[in-house]
């Protein structure tokens, strides 16, 4: 727990901040998360209505089983107990297939749900864009129990900060 507290110190400091490195996605803070319908790695359909009633963390990542995405997802899994203590559910979102998500979930374990944004329609609606025009941006959203976006973090390289920044934000509530 000591190491986690140390990492928290380097994450979000002000609960009223929309997040860090947010760029144009900052315009989503305070707005309802867009409507969506996506399949999970378990072939279960999820919609934004399924997120109502609890805090939720949705992290958009570029590709299953890639080095940075594996570290990010594994860190979310490693901190599942912390997220649960704040009453938050965690969802990973990428354009990978259900089969790819199933294999990735076997690699990382845990209880988080992986959602398939197969045509990147939600990513496009949120305006997440791509790094160098080819690598989908890595962006994390924290949603309140009513589905309103309360915090955003956007960084392609600070993969663990997506996790610890989200936890820091949730710890301020």
N, C-alpha and C. Protein backbone atom coordinates (compact mmCIF):
# COMPACT_ATOMS: atom_id res chain seq x y z
N UNK A 1 0.81 -1.20 0.00
CA UNK A 1 0.00 0.00 0.00
C UNK A 1 0.85 1.26 0.00
N UNK A 2 2.04 1.19 0.59
CA UNK A 2 2.92 2.34 0.63
C UNK A 2 3.29 2.79 -0.78
N UNK A 3 3.63 1.84 -1.63
CA UNK A 3 4.00 2.18 -3.00
C UNK A 3 2.83 2.81 -3.74
N UNK A 4 1.63 2.31 -3.52
CA UNK A 4 0.45 2.87 -4.15
C UNK A 4 0.26 4.31 -3.73
N UNK A 5 0.38 4.62 -2.44
CA UNK A 5 0.25 5.99 -1.96
C UNK A 5 1.28 6.89 -2.62
N UNK A 6 2.50 6.38 -2.78
CA UNK A 6 3.55 7.17 -3.43
C UNK A 6 3.16 7.50 -4.87
N UNK A 7 2.62 6.54 -5.58
CA UNK A 7 2.20 6.77 -6.96
C UNK A 7 1.03 7.75 -7.00
N UNK A 8 0.10 7.63 -6.03
CA UNK A 8 -1.01 8.57 -5.96
C UNK A 8 -0.51 10.01 -5.89
N UNK A 9 0.56 10.23 -5.12
CA UNK A 9 1.08 11.58 -4.95
C UNK A 9 1.48 12.21 -6.27
N UNK A 10 1.85 11.38 -7.23
CA UNK A 10 2.27 11.88 -8.53
C UNK A 10 1.13 11.92 -9.54
N UNK A 11 -0.06 11.56 -9.12
CA UNK A 11 -1.21 11.56 -10.03
C UNK A 11 -2.04 12.83 -9.80
N UNK A 12 -3.28 12.77 -10.10
CA UNK A 12 -4.19 13.91 -9.97
C UNK A 12 -4.21 14.45 -8.55
N UNK A 13 -4.16 15.76 -8.40
CA UNK A 13 -4.14 16.37 -7.08
C UNK A 13 -5.48 17.01 -6.75
N UNK A 14 -6.15 17.58 -7.72
CA UNK A 14 -7.36 18.36 -7.48
C UNK A 14 -8.58 17.65 -8.04
N UNK A 15 -9.53 17.31 -7.16
CA UNK A 15 -10.71 16.56 -7.64
C UNK A 15 -11.56 17.38 -8.59
N UNK A 16 -11.41 18.70 -8.57
CA UNK A 16 -12.19 19.55 -9.46
C UNK A 16 -11.54 19.70 -10.84
N UNK A 17 -10.34 19.13 -11.00
CA UNK A 17 -9.67 19.18 -12.28
C UNK A 17 -10.33 18.19 -13.23
N UNK A 18 -10.44 18.52 -14.52
CA UNK A 18 -11.03 17.58 -15.47
C UNK A 18 -10.12 16.40 -15.77
N UNK A 19 -8.86 16.47 -15.37
CA UNK A 19 -7.92 15.40 -15.64
C UNK A 19 -6.59 15.96 -16.09
N UNK A 20 -5.81 15.15 -16.78
CA UNK A 20 -4.49 15.56 -17.23
C UNK A 20 -4.31 15.22 -18.70
N UNK A 21 -3.54 16.06 -19.38
CA UNK A 21 -3.22 15.84 -20.79
C UNK A 21 -4.48 15.57 -21.60
N UNK A 22 -5.55 16.29 -21.29
CA UNK A 22 -6.84 15.93 -21.86
C UNK A 22 -7.09 16.46 -23.26
N UNK A 23 -6.44 17.55 -23.63
CA UNK A 23 -6.63 18.09 -24.98
C UNK A 23 -8.09 18.31 -25.28
N UNK A 24 -8.50 17.96 -26.49
CA UNK A 24 -9.88 18.23 -26.90
C UNK A 24 -10.90 17.31 -26.23
N UNK A 25 -10.47 16.21 -25.62
CA UNK A 25 -11.45 15.35 -24.93
C UNK A 25 -11.93 16.00 -23.64
N UNK A 26 -11.28 17.08 -23.19
CA UNK A 26 -11.72 17.80 -21.98
C UNK A 26 -13.15 18.30 -22.14
N UNK A 27 -13.57 18.55 -23.37
CA UNK A 27 -14.93 19.06 -23.59
C UNK A 27 -16.00 18.06 -23.15
N UNK A 28 -15.62 16.80 -22.95
CA UNK A 28 -16.58 15.78 -22.51
C UNK A 28 -16.83 15.83 -21.00
N UNK A 29 -15.91 16.40 -20.23
CA UNK A 29 -16.08 16.43 -18.78
C UNK A 29 -17.34 17.20 -18.43
N UNK A 30 -18.17 16.57 -17.59
CA UNK A 30 -19.45 17.16 -17.19
C UNK A 30 -20.61 16.77 -18.09
N UNK A 31 -20.32 16.04 -19.16
CA UNK A 31 -21.37 15.61 -20.08
C UNK A 31 -21.64 14.12 -19.90
N UNK A 32 -22.81 13.70 -20.36
CA UNK A 32 -23.15 12.28 -20.33
C UNK A 32 -22.26 11.52 -21.29
N UNK A 33 -21.84 10.33 -20.87
CA UNK A 33 -21.09 9.46 -21.75
C UNK A 33 -22.00 9.08 -22.91
N UNK A 34 -21.49 9.04 -24.14
CA UNK A 34 -22.35 8.73 -25.29
C UNK A 34 -23.00 7.34 -25.19
N UNK A 35 -24.14 7.23 -25.86
CA UNK A 35 -24.82 5.94 -25.92
C UNK A 35 -23.96 4.97 -26.73
N UNK A 36 -23.94 3.73 -26.29
CA UNK A 36 -23.17 2.71 -27.00
C UNK A 36 -23.79 1.34 -26.76
N UNK A 37 -23.43 0.41 -27.61
CA UNK A 37 -23.76 -1.00 -27.46
C UNK A 37 -22.56 -1.77 -27.97
N UNK A 38 -21.90 -2.52 -27.08
CA UNK A 38 -20.70 -3.28 -27.45
C UNK A 38 -20.76 -4.66 -26.82
N UNK A 39 -20.09 -5.59 -27.46
CA UNK A 39 -19.99 -6.94 -26.95
C UNK A 39 -18.72 -7.07 -26.11
N UNK A 40 -18.81 -7.91 -25.07
CA UNK A 40 -17.64 -8.16 -24.22
C UNK A 40 -16.93 -9.42 -24.70
N UNK A 41 -15.80 -9.70 -24.03
CA UNK A 41 -15.05 -10.92 -24.35
C UNK A 41 -15.87 -12.18 -24.04
N UNK A 42 -16.90 -12.04 -23.22
CA UNK A 42 -17.79 -13.16 -22.90
C UNK A 42 -19.01 -13.22 -23.81
N UNK A 43 -18.98 -12.40 -24.88
CA UNK A 43 -20.08 -12.30 -25.84
C UNK A 43 -21.36 -11.82 -25.18
N UNK A 44 -21.23 -10.95 -24.19
CA UNK A 44 -22.36 -10.32 -23.51
C UNK A 44 -22.46 -8.89 -24.02
N UNK A 45 -23.68 -8.46 -24.35
CA UNK A 45 -23.88 -7.09 -24.81
C UNK A 45 -23.89 -6.13 -23.62
N UNK A 46 -23.18 -5.02 -23.77
CA UNK A 46 -23.13 -3.97 -22.76
C UNK A 46 -23.57 -2.66 -23.40
N UNK A 47 -24.36 -1.88 -22.68
CA UNK A 47 -24.74 -0.54 -23.13
C UNK A 47 -24.43 0.44 -22.00
N UNK A 48 -24.54 1.73 -22.31
CA UNK A 48 -24.28 2.72 -21.27
C UNK A 48 -25.30 2.59 -20.13
N UNK A 49 -26.45 2.03 -20.39
CA UNK A 49 -27.46 1.82 -19.33
C UNK A 49 -26.95 0.82 -18.28
N UNK A 50 -26.12 -0.12 -18.70
CA UNK A 50 -25.56 -1.11 -17.76
C UNK A 50 -24.57 -0.49 -16.79
N UNK A 51 -24.13 0.73 -17.08
CA UNK A 51 -23.16 1.40 -16.23
C UNK A 51 -23.82 2.26 -15.15
N UNK A 52 -25.12 2.44 -15.27
CA UNK A 52 -25.85 3.28 -14.32
C UNK A 52 -25.79 2.69 -12.91
N UNK A 53 -25.66 3.56 -11.91
CA UNK A 53 -25.74 3.13 -10.52
C UNK A 53 -24.42 2.87 -9.83
N UNK A 54 -23.30 2.95 -10.56
CA UNK A 54 -22.00 2.78 -9.92
C UNK A 54 -20.97 3.64 -10.67
N UNK A 55 -19.88 3.90 -10.00
CA UNK A 55 -18.76 4.58 -10.66
C UNK A 55 -18.14 3.61 -11.65
N UNK A 56 -17.67 4.11 -12.77
CA UNK A 56 -17.08 3.28 -13.81
C UNK A 56 -15.83 3.93 -14.37
N UNK A 57 -14.86 3.10 -14.68
CA UNK A 57 -13.64 3.54 -15.34
C UNK A 57 -13.58 2.81 -16.68
N UNK A 58 -13.55 3.58 -17.76
CA UNK A 58 -13.41 3.01 -19.10
C UNK A 58 -12.09 3.46 -19.66
N UNK A 59 -11.21 2.49 -19.92
CA UNK A 59 -9.93 2.85 -20.52
C UNK A 59 -9.87 2.34 -21.95
N UNK A 60 -9.65 3.28 -22.86
CA UNK A 60 -9.51 2.98 -24.28
C UNK A 60 -8.02 2.75 -24.54
N UNK A 61 -7.71 1.64 -25.16
CA UNK A 61 -6.32 1.28 -25.41
C UNK A 61 -6.18 0.83 -26.86
N UNK A 62 -4.97 0.91 -27.41
CA UNK A 62 -4.79 0.63 -28.84
C UNK A 62 -4.97 -0.82 -29.29
N UNK A 63 -4.34 -1.79 -28.58
CA UNK A 63 -4.29 -3.15 -29.14
C UNK A 63 -4.06 -4.21 -28.07
N UNK A 64 -4.89 -5.25 -28.10
CA UNK A 64 -4.70 -6.39 -27.20
C UNK A 64 -3.31 -6.96 -27.37
N UNK A 65 -2.71 -7.35 -26.25
CA UNK A 65 -1.45 -8.09 -26.20
C UNK A 65 -0.22 -7.31 -26.67
N UNK A 66 -0.37 -6.01 -26.92
CA UNK A 66 0.82 -5.21 -27.23
C UNK A 66 1.49 -4.86 -25.90
N UNK A 67 2.77 -4.54 -25.90
CA UNK A 67 3.48 -4.34 -24.64
C UNK A 67 2.86 -3.29 -23.71
N UNK A 68 2.62 -2.09 -24.20
CA UNK A 68 2.06 -1.03 -23.36
C UNK A 68 0.66 -1.35 -22.88
N UNK A 69 -0.15 -1.90 -23.76
CA UNK A 69 -1.54 -2.24 -23.40
C UNK A 69 -1.57 -3.37 -22.38
N UNK A 70 -0.65 -4.31 -22.51
CA UNK A 70 -0.59 -5.41 -21.54
C UNK A 70 -0.21 -4.89 -20.16
N UNK A 71 0.75 -3.98 -20.09
CA UNK A 71 1.14 -3.39 -18.81
C UNK A 71 -0.03 -2.61 -18.21
N UNK A 72 -0.70 -1.81 -19.03
CA UNK A 72 -1.82 -1.02 -18.55
C UNK A 72 -2.94 -1.91 -18.02
N UNK A 73 -3.36 -2.90 -18.81
CA UNK A 73 -4.45 -3.77 -18.40
C UNK A 73 -4.07 -4.58 -17.16
N UNK A 74 -2.84 -5.06 -17.11
CA UNK A 74 -2.40 -5.84 -15.95
C UNK A 74 -2.38 -4.97 -14.69
N UNK A 75 -2.03 -3.71 -14.83
CA UNK A 75 -2.03 -2.80 -13.68
C UNK A 75 -3.46 -2.55 -13.21
N UNK A 76 -4.40 -2.40 -14.13
CA UNK A 76 -5.81 -2.28 -13.73
C UNK A 76 -6.23 -3.54 -12.97
N UNK A 77 -5.85 -4.71 -13.46
CA UNK A 77 -6.19 -5.97 -12.79
C UNK A 77 -5.55 -6.02 -11.41
N UNK A 78 -4.29 -5.63 -11.32
CA UNK A 78 -3.58 -5.66 -10.03
C UNK A 78 -4.25 -4.77 -8.99
N UNK A 79 -4.93 -3.72 -9.43
CA UNK A 79 -5.57 -2.77 -8.51
C UNK A 79 -7.09 -2.94 -8.43
N UNK A 80 -7.60 -4.09 -8.90
CA UNK A 80 -9.05 -4.32 -8.87
C UNK A 80 -9.65 -4.14 -7.47
N UNK A 81 -8.94 -4.60 -6.46
CA UNK A 81 -9.45 -4.49 -5.09
C UNK A 81 -9.62 -3.02 -4.69
N UNK A 82 -8.68 -2.17 -5.10
CA UNK A 82 -8.78 -0.73 -4.80
C UNK A 82 -10.00 -0.13 -5.52
N UNK A 83 -10.15 -0.44 -6.80
CA UNK A 83 -11.30 0.08 -7.53
C UNK A 83 -12.60 -0.39 -6.89
N UNK A 84 -12.65 -1.64 -6.52
CA UNK A 84 -13.83 -2.20 -5.87
C UNK A 84 -14.13 -1.49 -4.55
N UNK A 85 -13.08 -1.12 -3.80
CA UNK A 85 -13.29 -0.43 -2.53
C UNK A 85 -13.94 0.94 -2.73
N UNK A 86 -13.79 1.51 -3.92
CA UNK A 86 -14.45 2.78 -4.25
C UNK A 86 -15.78 2.55 -4.96
N UNK A 87 -16.18 1.30 -5.10
CA UNK A 87 -17.44 0.99 -5.77
C UNK A 87 -17.39 1.19 -7.27
N UNK A 88 -16.20 1.09 -7.84
CA UNK A 88 -16.03 1.34 -9.28
C UNK A 88 -15.80 0.04 -10.05
N UNK A 89 -16.39 -0.02 -11.23
CA UNK A 89 -16.17 -1.12 -12.17
C UNK A 89 -15.19 -0.64 -13.23
N UNK A 90 -14.41 -1.56 -13.77
CA UNK A 90 -13.39 -1.21 -14.77
C UNK A 90 -13.67 -1.94 -16.07
N UNK A 91 -13.60 -1.18 -17.18
CA UNK A 91 -13.83 -1.71 -18.51
C UNK A 91 -12.70 -1.27 -19.43
N UNK A 92 -12.14 -2.20 -20.18
CA UNK A 92 -11.17 -1.88 -21.22
C UNK A 92 -11.89 -1.87 -22.55
N UNK A 93 -11.54 -0.92 -23.42
CA UNK A 93 -12.21 -0.80 -24.72
C UNK A 93 -11.16 -0.68 -25.82
N UNK A 94 -11.28 -1.54 -26.83
CA UNK A 94 -10.45 -1.42 -28.03
C UNK A 94 -11.26 -1.95 -29.21
N UNK A 95 -10.69 -1.80 -30.40
CA UNK A 95 -11.39 -2.26 -31.60
C UNK A 95 -11.09 -3.73 -31.92
N UNK A 96 -10.36 -4.40 -31.03
CA UNK A 96 -10.04 -5.82 -31.26
C UNK A 96 -11.30 -6.69 -31.21
N UNK A 97 -11.20 -7.88 -31.78
CA UNK A 97 -12.33 -8.82 -31.85
C UNK A 97 -12.60 -9.48 -30.50
N UNK A 98 -13.74 -10.12 -30.41
CA UNK A 98 -14.09 -10.89 -29.20
C UNK A 98 -13.04 -11.97 -28.97
N UNK A 99 -12.64 -12.65 -30.04
CA UNK A 99 -11.63 -13.71 -29.90
C UNK A 99 -10.31 -13.15 -29.35
N UNK A 100 -9.89 -12.02 -29.86
CA UNK A 100 -8.66 -11.39 -29.39
C UNK A 100 -8.81 -10.98 -27.92
N UNK A 101 -9.97 -10.39 -27.56
CA UNK A 101 -10.23 -10.00 -26.17
C UNK A 101 -10.20 -11.23 -25.25
N UNK A 102 -10.76 -12.33 -25.71
CA UNK A 102 -10.78 -13.56 -24.91
C UNK A 102 -9.36 -14.04 -24.62
N UNK A 103 -8.51 -14.02 -25.63
CA UNK A 103 -7.11 -14.42 -25.45
C UNK A 103 -6.38 -13.45 -24.52
N UNK A 104 -6.64 -12.17 -24.70
CA UNK A 104 -6.00 -11.14 -23.87
C UNK A 104 -6.43 -11.29 -22.41
N UNK A 105 -7.70 -11.57 -22.20
CA UNK A 105 -8.22 -11.75 -20.84
C UNK A 105 -7.55 -12.96 -20.19
N UNK A 106 -7.29 -14.02 -20.94
CA UNK A 106 -6.56 -15.17 -20.39
C UNK A 106 -5.15 -14.76 -19.96
N UNK A 107 -4.54 -13.86 -20.69
CA UNK A 107 -3.19 -13.38 -20.35
C UNK A 107 -3.18 -12.57 -19.06
N UNK A 108 -4.16 -11.66 -18.92
CA UNK A 108 -4.12 -10.71 -17.80
C UNK A 108 -4.91 -11.16 -16.58
N UNK A 109 -5.89 -12.06 -16.78
CA UNK A 109 -6.71 -12.51 -15.66
C UNK A 109 -7.64 -11.41 -15.18
N UNK A 110 -8.04 -11.53 -13.93
CA UNK A 110 -8.87 -10.48 -13.32
C UNK A 110 -10.33 -10.51 -13.71
N UNK A 111 -11.03 -9.51 -13.18
CA UNK A 111 -12.48 -9.43 -13.38
C UNK A 111 -12.92 -8.29 -14.29
N UNK A 112 -11.99 -7.48 -14.77
CA UNK A 112 -12.42 -6.38 -15.61
C UNK A 112 -13.03 -6.91 -16.89
N UNK A 113 -13.88 -6.11 -17.50
CA UNK A 113 -14.57 -6.49 -18.72
C UNK A 113 -13.91 -5.81 -19.91
N UNK A 114 -13.68 -6.55 -20.97
CA UNK A 114 -13.11 -6.00 -22.19
C UNK A 114 -14.22 -5.85 -23.23
N UNK A 115 -14.40 -4.65 -23.73
CA UNK A 115 -15.46 -4.36 -24.69
C UNK A 115 -14.90 -4.14 -26.08
N UNK A 116 -15.64 -4.63 -27.09
CA UNK A 116 -15.23 -4.54 -28.49
C UNK A 116 -15.92 -3.36 -29.18
N UNK A 117 -15.16 -2.33 -29.44
CA UNK A 117 -15.63 -1.19 -30.24
C UNK A 117 -15.18 -1.49 -31.67
N UNK A 118 -15.78 -2.52 -32.25
CA UNK A 118 -15.26 -3.14 -33.47
C UNK A 118 -15.07 -2.19 -34.65
N UNK A 119 -15.88 -1.21 -34.80
CA UNK A 119 -15.72 -0.26 -35.90
C UNK A 119 -15.18 1.08 -35.40
N UNK A 120 -14.72 1.10 -34.15
CA UNK A 120 -14.19 2.32 -33.52
C UNK A 120 -15.22 3.45 -33.51
N UNK A 121 -16.50 3.11 -33.54
CA UNK A 121 -17.53 4.14 -33.61
C UNK A 121 -17.59 4.98 -32.32
N UNK A 122 -17.46 4.34 -31.16
CA UNK A 122 -17.47 5.10 -29.91
C UNK A 122 -16.20 5.95 -29.81
N UNK A 123 -15.08 5.37 -30.16
CA UNK A 123 -13.81 6.11 -30.17
C UNK A 123 -13.94 7.36 -31.06
N UNK A 124 -14.52 7.21 -32.24
CA UNK A 124 -14.69 8.33 -33.16
C UNK A 124 -15.65 9.36 -32.59
N UNK A 125 -16.76 8.90 -31.99
CA UNK A 125 -17.73 9.83 -31.41
C UNK A 125 -17.11 10.66 -30.29
N UNK A 126 -16.21 10.04 -29.54
CA UNK A 126 -15.52 10.76 -28.46
C UNK A 126 -14.38 11.63 -28.99
N UNK A 127 -14.03 11.48 -30.25
CA UNK A 127 -12.96 12.27 -30.86
C UNK A 127 -11.59 11.91 -30.34
N UNK A 128 -11.33 10.62 -30.10
CA UNK A 128 -10.08 10.22 -29.47
C UNK A 128 -8.88 10.24 -30.40
N UNK A 129 -9.08 10.09 -31.67
CA UNK A 129 -7.99 10.24 -32.62
C UNK A 129 -6.91 9.17 -32.55
N UNK A 130 -5.80 9.45 -33.24
CA UNK A 130 -4.69 8.50 -33.34
C UNK A 130 -3.36 9.24 -33.23
N UNK A 131 -2.40 8.60 -32.60
CA UNK A 131 -1.04 9.11 -32.52
C UNK A 131 -0.34 8.81 -33.85
N UNK A 132 0.32 9.82 -34.41
CA UNK A 132 1.00 9.70 -35.70
C UNK A 132 0.04 9.25 -36.81
N UNK A 133 -1.24 9.40 -36.57
CA UNK A 133 -2.24 9.02 -37.55
C UNK A 133 -2.50 7.54 -37.68
N UNK A 134 -1.81 6.70 -36.85
CA UNK A 134 -1.98 5.25 -36.99
C UNK A 134 -2.29 4.51 -35.70
N UNK A 135 -1.82 5.00 -34.56
CA UNK A 135 -2.02 4.28 -33.29
C UNK A 135 -3.15 4.94 -32.50
N UNK A 136 -4.24 4.21 -32.26
CA UNK A 136 -5.36 4.80 -31.51
C UNK A 136 -4.90 5.36 -30.16
N UNK A 137 -5.41 6.54 -29.82
CA UNK A 137 -5.05 7.17 -28.55
C UNK A 137 -5.45 6.30 -27.37
N UNK A 138 -4.69 6.44 -26.30
CA UNK A 138 -4.93 5.75 -25.03
C UNK A 138 -5.57 6.80 -24.10
N UNK A 139 -6.85 6.63 -23.79
CA UNK A 139 -7.58 7.62 -22.98
C UNK A 139 -8.44 6.88 -21.95
N UNK A 140 -8.46 7.41 -20.73
CA UNK A 140 -9.26 6.83 -19.65
C UNK A 140 -10.29 7.83 -19.17
N UNK A 141 -11.53 7.35 -18.99
CA UNK A 141 -12.64 8.16 -18.49
C UNK A 141 -13.12 7.59 -17.16
N UNK A 142 -13.43 8.48 -16.21
CA UNK A 142 -14.11 8.08 -14.98
C UNK A 142 -15.52 8.65 -15.07
N UNK A 143 -16.52 7.77 -14.94
CA UNK A 143 -17.93 8.16 -15.02
C UNK A 143 -18.58 8.01 -13.66
N UNK A 144 -19.45 8.96 -13.33
CA UNK A 144 -20.18 8.87 -12.07
C UNK A 144 -21.36 7.91 -12.23
N UNK A 145 -22.10 7.62 -11.14
CA UNK A 145 -23.19 6.64 -11.23
C UNK A 145 -24.33 7.03 -12.17
N UNK A 146 -24.40 8.30 -12.57
CA UNK A 146 -25.42 8.72 -13.53
C UNK A 146 -24.91 8.68 -14.97
N UNK A 147 -23.66 8.28 -15.15
CA UNK A 147 -23.10 8.19 -16.50
C UNK A 147 -22.47 9.47 -16.99
N UNK A 148 -22.19 10.41 -16.09
CA UNK A 148 -21.57 11.68 -16.45
C UNK A 148 -20.04 11.54 -16.34
N UNK A 149 -19.34 12.02 -17.34
CA UNK A 149 -17.88 11.96 -17.34
C UNK A 149 -17.36 12.97 -16.32
N UNK A 150 -16.58 12.50 -15.37
CA UNK A 150 -16.05 13.37 -14.31
C UNK A 150 -14.55 13.60 -14.40
N UNK A 151 -13.82 12.71 -15.04
CA UNK A 151 -12.37 12.85 -15.12
C UNK A 151 -11.86 12.12 -16.35
N UNK A 152 -10.81 12.68 -16.97
CA UNK A 152 -10.24 12.11 -18.19
C UNK A 152 -8.72 12.16 -18.08
N UNK A 153 -8.06 11.12 -18.58
CA UNK A 153 -6.61 11.13 -18.70
C UNK A 153 -6.23 10.65 -20.08
N UNK A 154 -5.34 11.37 -20.74
CA UNK A 154 -4.94 11.08 -22.11
C UNK A 154 -3.42 11.02 -22.19
N UNK A 155 -2.86 9.84 -22.34
CA UNK A 155 -1.42 9.70 -22.51
C UNK A 155 -1.12 8.37 -23.18
N UNK A 156 -0.38 8.42 -24.25
CA UNK A 156 -0.02 7.19 -24.96
C UNK A 156 1.04 6.40 -24.20
N UNK A 157 1.93 7.09 -23.47
CA UNK A 157 3.07 6.42 -22.87
C UNK A 157 2.96 6.19 -21.37
N UNK A 158 2.26 7.03 -20.64
CA UNK A 158 2.16 6.89 -19.18
C UNK A 158 1.06 5.87 -18.84
N UNK A 159 1.30 4.62 -19.20
CA UNK A 159 0.24 3.60 -19.13
C UNK A 159 -0.24 3.33 -17.71
N UNK A 160 0.66 3.34 -16.74
CA UNK A 160 0.24 3.08 -15.35
C UNK A 160 -0.45 4.28 -14.73
N UNK A 161 -0.16 5.47 -15.24
CA UNK A 161 -0.79 6.67 -14.69
C UNK A 161 -2.29 6.69 -14.98
N UNK A 162 -2.72 5.98 -16.02
CA UNK A 162 -4.16 5.86 -16.28
C UNK A 162 -4.84 5.20 -15.07
N UNK A 163 -4.18 4.20 -14.54
CA UNK A 163 -4.71 3.45 -13.40
C UNK A 163 -4.64 4.30 -12.14
N UNK A 164 -3.46 4.80 -11.82
CA UNK A 164 -3.27 5.50 -10.55
C UNK A 164 -3.93 6.88 -10.54
N UNK A 165 -4.03 7.51 -11.70
CA UNK A 165 -4.78 8.76 -11.78
C UNK A 165 -6.26 8.54 -11.51
N UNK A 166 -6.81 7.47 -12.07
CA UNK A 166 -8.22 7.13 -11.83
C UNK A 166 -8.46 6.84 -10.35
N UNK A 167 -7.56 6.07 -9.76
CA UNK A 167 -7.69 5.76 -8.33
C UNK A 167 -7.57 7.02 -7.48
N UNK A 168 -6.66 7.89 -7.84
CA UNK A 168 -6.50 9.14 -7.10
C UNK A 168 -7.78 9.95 -7.18
N UNK A 169 -8.35 10.05 -8.37
CA UNK A 169 -9.61 10.81 -8.52
C UNK A 169 -10.69 10.18 -7.64
N UNK A 170 -10.86 8.87 -7.74
CA UNK A 170 -11.90 8.19 -6.93
C UNK A 170 -11.66 8.36 -5.44
N UNK A 171 -10.41 8.47 -5.02
CA UNK A 171 -10.11 8.62 -3.60
C UNK A 171 -10.52 9.99 -3.05
N UNK A 172 -10.76 10.96 -3.96
CA UNK A 172 -11.14 12.30 -3.51
C UNK A 172 -12.64 12.46 -3.31
N UNK A 173 -13.39 11.44 -3.65
CA UNK A 173 -14.87 11.56 -3.58
C UNK A 173 -15.39 11.31 -2.17
